[in-house]
């Protein structure tokens, strides 16, 4: 129970931080890849905040999420957000991902 609460907190903090100042969050995520569960949560927050602005970086981070279901949800969130602004590019990226998950 405590782990889920703290993981949600990390995701929320990462989301707000990435929205305000994304480069230090990218650097922090890169530095903390070895902490897989925490990495997955941090990436989830980063994606939620930055998918609209940096879908390529979000896809790169999502590809490294260890949990298969979380990785799938993150990709879907990226494509959904991206499609609101660049529907053709998002559709092409989604098709490429589906053909090579």
N, C-alpha and C. Protein backbone atom coordinates (compact mmCIF):
# COMPACT_ATOMS: atom_id res chain seq x y z
N UNK A 1 0.82 -1.20 0.00
CA UNK A 1 0.00 0.00 0.00
C UNK A 1 0.86 1.25 0.00
N UNK A 2 1.90 1.32 0.83
CA UNK A 2 2.78 2.47 0.87
C UNK A 2 3.51 2.68 -0.44
N UNK A 3 3.89 1.57 -1.09
CA UNK A 3 4.59 1.67 -2.37
C UNK A 3 3.69 2.32 -3.41
N UNK A 4 2.42 1.91 -3.51
CA UNK A 4 1.52 2.49 -4.49
C UNK A 4 1.31 3.98 -4.23
N UNK A 5 1.19 4.35 -2.97
CA UNK A 5 1.01 5.76 -2.62
C UNK A 5 2.24 6.57 -3.02
N UNK A 6 3.43 6.07 -2.68
CA UNK A 6 4.64 6.83 -3.01
C UNK A 6 4.88 6.84 -4.51
N UNK A 7 4.55 5.76 -5.21
CA UNK A 7 4.71 5.74 -6.67
C UNK A 7 3.80 6.78 -7.31
N UNK A 8 2.56 6.87 -6.85
CA UNK A 8 1.64 7.87 -7.38
C UNK A 8 2.14 9.28 -7.12
N UNK A 9 2.75 9.47 -5.97
CA UNK A 9 3.31 10.77 -5.63
C UNK A 9 4.45 11.12 -6.57
N UNK A 10 5.33 10.16 -6.84
CA UNK A 10 6.45 10.39 -7.75
C UNK A 10 5.92 10.74 -9.15
N UNK A 11 4.92 10.02 -9.61
CA UNK A 11 4.34 10.31 -10.92
C UNK A 11 3.78 11.72 -10.96
N UNK A 12 3.07 12.12 -9.91
CA UNK A 12 2.48 13.45 -9.86
C UNK A 12 3.57 14.54 -9.84
N UNK A 13 4.59 14.36 -9.03
CA UNK A 13 5.68 15.34 -8.95
C UNK A 13 6.40 15.44 -10.29
N UNK A 14 6.68 14.30 -10.90
CA UNK A 14 7.36 14.30 -12.19
C UNK A 14 6.53 15.01 -13.24
N UNK A 15 5.23 14.77 -13.22
CA UNK A 15 4.33 15.42 -14.18
C UNK A 15 4.39 16.93 -14.04
N UNK A 16 4.25 17.44 -12.83
CA UNK A 16 4.27 18.89 -12.61
C UNK A 16 5.63 19.49 -12.92
N UNK A 17 6.67 18.79 -12.54
CA UNK A 17 8.03 19.27 -12.79
C UNK A 17 8.29 19.31 -14.30
N UNK A 18 7.91 18.26 -15.02
CA UNK A 18 8.13 18.21 -16.47
C UNK A 18 7.34 19.30 -17.19
N UNK A 19 6.18 19.61 -16.68
CA UNK A 19 5.37 20.67 -17.28
C UNK A 19 6.05 22.03 -17.12
N UNK A 20 6.70 22.22 -15.99
CA UNK A 20 7.34 23.50 -15.70
C UNK A 20 8.75 23.62 -16.30
N UNK A 21 9.51 22.54 -16.29
CA UNK A 21 10.91 22.61 -16.70
C UNK A 21 11.37 21.22 -17.16
N UNK A 22 11.08 20.84 -18.40
CA UNK A 22 11.27 19.45 -18.83
C UNK A 22 12.72 18.95 -18.90
N UNK A 23 13.67 19.79 -19.22
CA UNK A 23 15.04 19.29 -19.40
C UNK A 23 15.62 18.67 -18.11
N UNK A 24 15.50 19.30 -16.96
CA UNK A 24 16.03 18.64 -15.76
C UNK A 24 15.33 17.32 -15.45
N UNK A 25 14.05 17.21 -15.83
CA UNK A 25 13.33 15.95 -15.61
C UNK A 25 13.91 14.87 -16.52
N UNK A 26 14.16 15.22 -17.77
CA UNK A 26 14.79 14.26 -18.69
C UNK A 26 16.12 13.78 -18.11
N UNK A 27 16.91 14.72 -17.63
CA UNK A 27 18.22 14.37 -17.05
C UNK A 27 18.06 13.47 -15.84
N UNK A 28 17.10 13.78 -14.99
CA UNK A 28 16.86 12.98 -13.77
C UNK A 28 16.42 11.57 -14.15
N UNK A 29 15.52 11.46 -15.11
CA UNK A 29 15.05 10.14 -15.55
C UNK A 29 16.22 9.34 -16.12
N UNK A 30 17.01 9.97 -16.96
CA UNK A 30 18.18 9.29 -17.54
C UNK A 30 19.10 8.76 -16.44
N UNK A 31 19.30 9.56 -15.42
CA UNK A 31 20.20 9.19 -14.32
C UNK A 31 19.64 8.06 -13.45
N UNK A 32 18.32 7.92 -13.38
CA UNK A 32 17.69 6.97 -12.46
C UNK A 32 17.07 5.76 -13.16
N UNK A 33 17.53 5.41 -14.32
CA UNK A 33 16.99 4.26 -15.05
C UNK A 33 17.08 2.95 -14.28
N UNK A 34 18.10 2.81 -13.45
CA UNK A 34 18.33 1.53 -12.77
C UNK A 34 17.28 1.22 -11.71
N UNK A 35 16.50 2.16 -11.33
CA UNK A 35 15.46 1.94 -10.31
C UNK A 35 14.15 1.69 -11.05
N UNK A 36 13.97 0.50 -11.57
CA UNK A 36 12.97 0.22 -12.59
C UNK A 36 11.54 0.62 -12.22
N UNK A 37 11.04 0.25 -11.05
CA UNK A 37 9.66 0.61 -10.70
C UNK A 37 9.51 2.13 -10.60
N UNK A 38 10.46 2.77 -9.98
CA UNK A 38 10.43 4.23 -9.86
C UNK A 38 10.60 4.87 -11.24
N UNK A 39 11.46 4.29 -12.05
CA UNK A 39 11.65 4.80 -13.41
C UNK A 39 10.33 4.77 -14.17
N UNK A 40 9.62 3.65 -14.08
CA UNK A 40 8.33 3.52 -14.77
C UNK A 40 7.36 4.61 -14.33
N UNK A 41 7.31 4.87 -13.03
CA UNK A 41 6.41 5.90 -12.52
C UNK A 41 6.84 7.29 -12.98
N UNK A 42 8.11 7.56 -12.93
CA UNK A 42 8.60 8.87 -13.37
C UNK A 42 8.32 9.08 -14.85
N UNK A 43 8.54 8.06 -15.65
CA UNK A 43 8.27 8.16 -17.08
C UNK A 43 6.78 8.40 -17.33
N UNK A 44 5.93 7.73 -16.58
CA UNK A 44 4.48 7.94 -16.73
C UNK A 44 4.12 9.40 -16.49
N UNK A 45 4.68 10.01 -15.46
CA UNK A 45 4.42 11.42 -15.18
C UNK A 45 4.98 12.32 -16.26
N UNK A 46 6.18 12.01 -16.74
CA UNK A 46 6.78 12.81 -17.80
C UNK A 46 5.90 12.77 -19.06
N UNK A 47 5.45 11.59 -19.41
CA UNK A 47 4.61 11.42 -20.60
C UNK A 47 3.31 12.21 -20.48
N UNK A 48 2.70 12.13 -19.33
CA UNK A 48 1.44 12.85 -19.12
C UNK A 48 1.64 14.36 -19.33
N UNK A 49 2.77 14.87 -18.88
CA UNK A 49 3.02 16.31 -18.98
C UNK A 49 3.55 16.73 -20.34
N UNK A 50 4.29 15.87 -21.03
CA UNK A 50 5.04 16.30 -22.20
C UNK A 50 4.64 15.67 -23.53
N UNK A 51 3.68 14.77 -23.56
CA UNK A 51 3.32 14.09 -24.81
C UNK A 51 2.92 15.07 -25.90
N UNK A 52 2.25 16.13 -25.53
CA UNK A 52 1.82 17.15 -26.50
C UNK A 52 3.02 17.87 -27.11
N UNK A 53 4.06 18.09 -26.32
CA UNK A 53 5.18 18.92 -26.73
C UNK A 53 6.38 18.15 -27.26
N UNK A 54 6.55 16.92 -26.79
CA UNK A 54 7.74 16.15 -27.15
C UNK A 54 7.40 14.66 -27.29
N UNK A 55 6.55 14.32 -28.27
CA UNK A 55 6.13 12.92 -28.40
C UNK A 55 7.29 11.97 -28.70
N UNK A 56 8.30 12.45 -29.40
CA UNK A 56 9.45 11.59 -29.70
C UNK A 56 10.19 11.17 -28.45
N UNK A 57 10.49 12.12 -27.58
CA UNK A 57 11.17 11.79 -26.32
C UNK A 57 10.28 10.90 -25.46
N UNK A 58 8.99 11.17 -25.45
CA UNK A 58 8.07 10.34 -24.68
C UNK A 58 8.06 8.90 -25.18
N UNK A 59 8.07 8.71 -26.49
CA UNK A 59 8.13 7.36 -27.04
C UNK A 59 9.42 6.65 -26.66
N UNK A 60 10.51 7.40 -26.70
CA UNK A 60 11.80 6.81 -26.33
C UNK A 60 11.78 6.33 -24.89
N UNK A 61 11.29 7.17 -23.97
CA UNK A 61 11.20 6.76 -22.57
C UNK A 61 10.21 5.62 -22.39
N UNK A 62 9.06 5.68 -23.07
CA UNK A 62 8.04 4.64 -22.93
C UNK A 62 8.58 3.28 -23.35
N UNK A 63 9.44 3.26 -24.35
CA UNK A 63 9.97 1.99 -24.84
C UNK A 63 10.80 1.27 -23.77
N UNK A 64 11.23 1.99 -22.76
CA UNK A 64 12.07 1.40 -21.72
C UNK A 64 11.30 1.06 -20.44
N UNK A 65 10.00 1.27 -20.44
CA UNK A 65 9.20 0.91 -19.27
C UNK A 65 9.17 -0.61 -19.15
N UNK A 66 9.48 -1.10 -17.97
CA UNK A 66 9.56 -2.54 -17.75
C UNK A 66 8.22 -3.25 -17.74
N UNK A 67 7.22 -2.65 -17.15
CA UNK A 67 5.90 -3.26 -17.04
C UNK A 67 5.17 -3.16 -18.38
N UNK A 68 4.85 -4.28 -18.98
CA UNK A 68 4.25 -4.32 -20.32
C UNK A 68 2.95 -3.55 -20.41
N UNK A 69 2.08 -3.73 -19.45
CA UNK A 69 0.77 -3.05 -19.48
C UNK A 69 0.94 -1.54 -19.31
N UNK A 70 1.80 -1.14 -18.40
CA UNK A 70 2.06 0.30 -18.22
C UNK A 70 2.67 0.89 -19.49
N UNK A 71 3.59 0.16 -20.10
CA UNK A 71 4.20 0.63 -21.35
C UNK A 71 3.13 0.82 -22.43
N UNK A 72 2.22 -0.14 -22.57
CA UNK A 72 1.14 -0.03 -23.56
C UNK A 72 0.27 1.18 -23.28
N UNK A 73 -0.11 1.38 -22.01
CA UNK A 73 -0.95 2.53 -21.65
C UNK A 73 -0.24 3.85 -21.94
N UNK A 74 1.06 3.90 -21.68
CA UNK A 74 1.81 5.13 -21.95
C UNK A 74 1.86 5.42 -23.45
N UNK A 75 2.12 4.40 -24.24
CA UNK A 75 2.12 4.61 -25.70
C UNK A 75 0.75 5.11 -26.16
N UNK A 76 -0.31 4.49 -25.68
CA UNK A 76 -1.65 4.91 -26.09
C UNK A 76 -1.91 6.37 -25.68
N UNK A 77 -1.44 6.75 -24.50
CA UNK A 77 -1.61 8.14 -24.05
C UNK A 77 -0.83 9.10 -24.96
N UNK A 78 0.37 8.70 -25.35
CA UNK A 78 1.17 9.54 -26.25
C UNK A 78 0.43 9.73 -27.56
N UNK A 79 -0.02 8.65 -28.16
CA UNK A 79 -0.68 8.73 -29.47
C UNK A 79 -2.00 9.50 -29.39
N UNK A 80 -2.73 9.30 -28.31
CA UNK A 80 -4.00 10.02 -28.15
C UNK A 80 -3.77 11.53 -28.06
N UNK A 81 -2.83 11.93 -27.22
CA UNK A 81 -2.53 13.36 -27.07
C UNK A 81 -1.96 13.93 -28.36
N UNK A 82 -1.02 13.23 -28.95
CA UNK A 82 -0.36 13.67 -30.17
C UNK A 82 -1.36 13.83 -31.31
N UNK A 83 -2.32 12.92 -31.38
CA UNK A 83 -3.29 12.95 -32.49
C UNK A 83 -4.18 14.18 -32.46
N UNK A 84 -4.30 14.82 -31.32
CA UNK A 84 -5.09 16.05 -31.23
C UNK A 84 -4.41 17.19 -31.98
N UNK A 85 -3.10 17.13 -32.12
CA UNK A 85 -2.33 18.23 -32.70
C UNK A 85 -1.72 17.89 -34.06
N UNK A 86 -1.33 16.65 -34.22
CA UNK A 86 -0.72 16.20 -35.47
C UNK A 86 -1.26 14.80 -35.79
N UNK A 87 -2.50 14.74 -36.25
CA UNK A 87 -3.14 13.42 -36.41
C UNK A 87 -2.43 12.48 -37.38
N UNK A 88 -1.93 13.00 -38.48
CA UNK A 88 -1.27 12.12 -39.45
C UNK A 88 0.02 11.52 -38.89
N UNK A 89 0.83 12.37 -38.27
CA UNK A 89 2.09 11.89 -37.69
C UNK A 89 1.83 10.89 -36.56
N UNK A 90 0.85 11.19 -35.74
CA UNK A 90 0.52 10.30 -34.63
C UNK A 90 0.01 8.96 -35.14
N UNK A 91 -0.83 8.98 -36.16
CA UNK A 91 -1.36 7.73 -36.73
C UNK A 91 -0.23 6.89 -37.32
N UNK A 92 0.70 7.53 -38.03
CA UNK A 92 1.83 6.80 -38.62
C UNK A 92 2.71 6.20 -37.52
N UNK A 93 2.98 6.96 -36.47
CA UNK A 93 3.81 6.46 -35.37
C UNK A 93 3.11 5.31 -34.65
N UNK A 94 1.80 5.43 -34.47
CA UNK A 94 1.04 4.36 -33.81
C UNK A 94 1.08 3.09 -34.65
N UNK A 95 0.90 3.21 -35.95
CA UNK A 95 0.95 2.05 -36.84
C UNK A 95 2.33 1.38 -36.78
N UNK A 96 3.37 2.19 -36.77
CA UNK A 96 4.74 1.65 -36.69
C UNK A 96 4.93 0.91 -35.37
N UNK A 97 4.42 1.48 -34.28
CA UNK A 97 4.53 0.84 -32.97
C UNK A 97 3.76 -0.46 -32.93
N UNK A 98 2.55 -0.47 -33.49
CA UNK A 98 1.73 -1.69 -33.49
C UNK A 98 2.37 -2.80 -34.32
N UNK A 99 3.09 -2.43 -35.36
CA UNK A 99 3.72 -3.46 -36.19
C UNK A 99 5.03 -3.97 -35.59
N UNK A 100 5.61 -3.22 -34.65
CA UNK A 100 6.85 -3.63 -33.96
C UNK A 100 6.78 -3.24 -32.48
N UNK A 101 5.84 -3.84 -31.73
CA UNK A 101 5.68 -3.42 -30.31
C UNK A 101 6.88 -3.69 -29.42
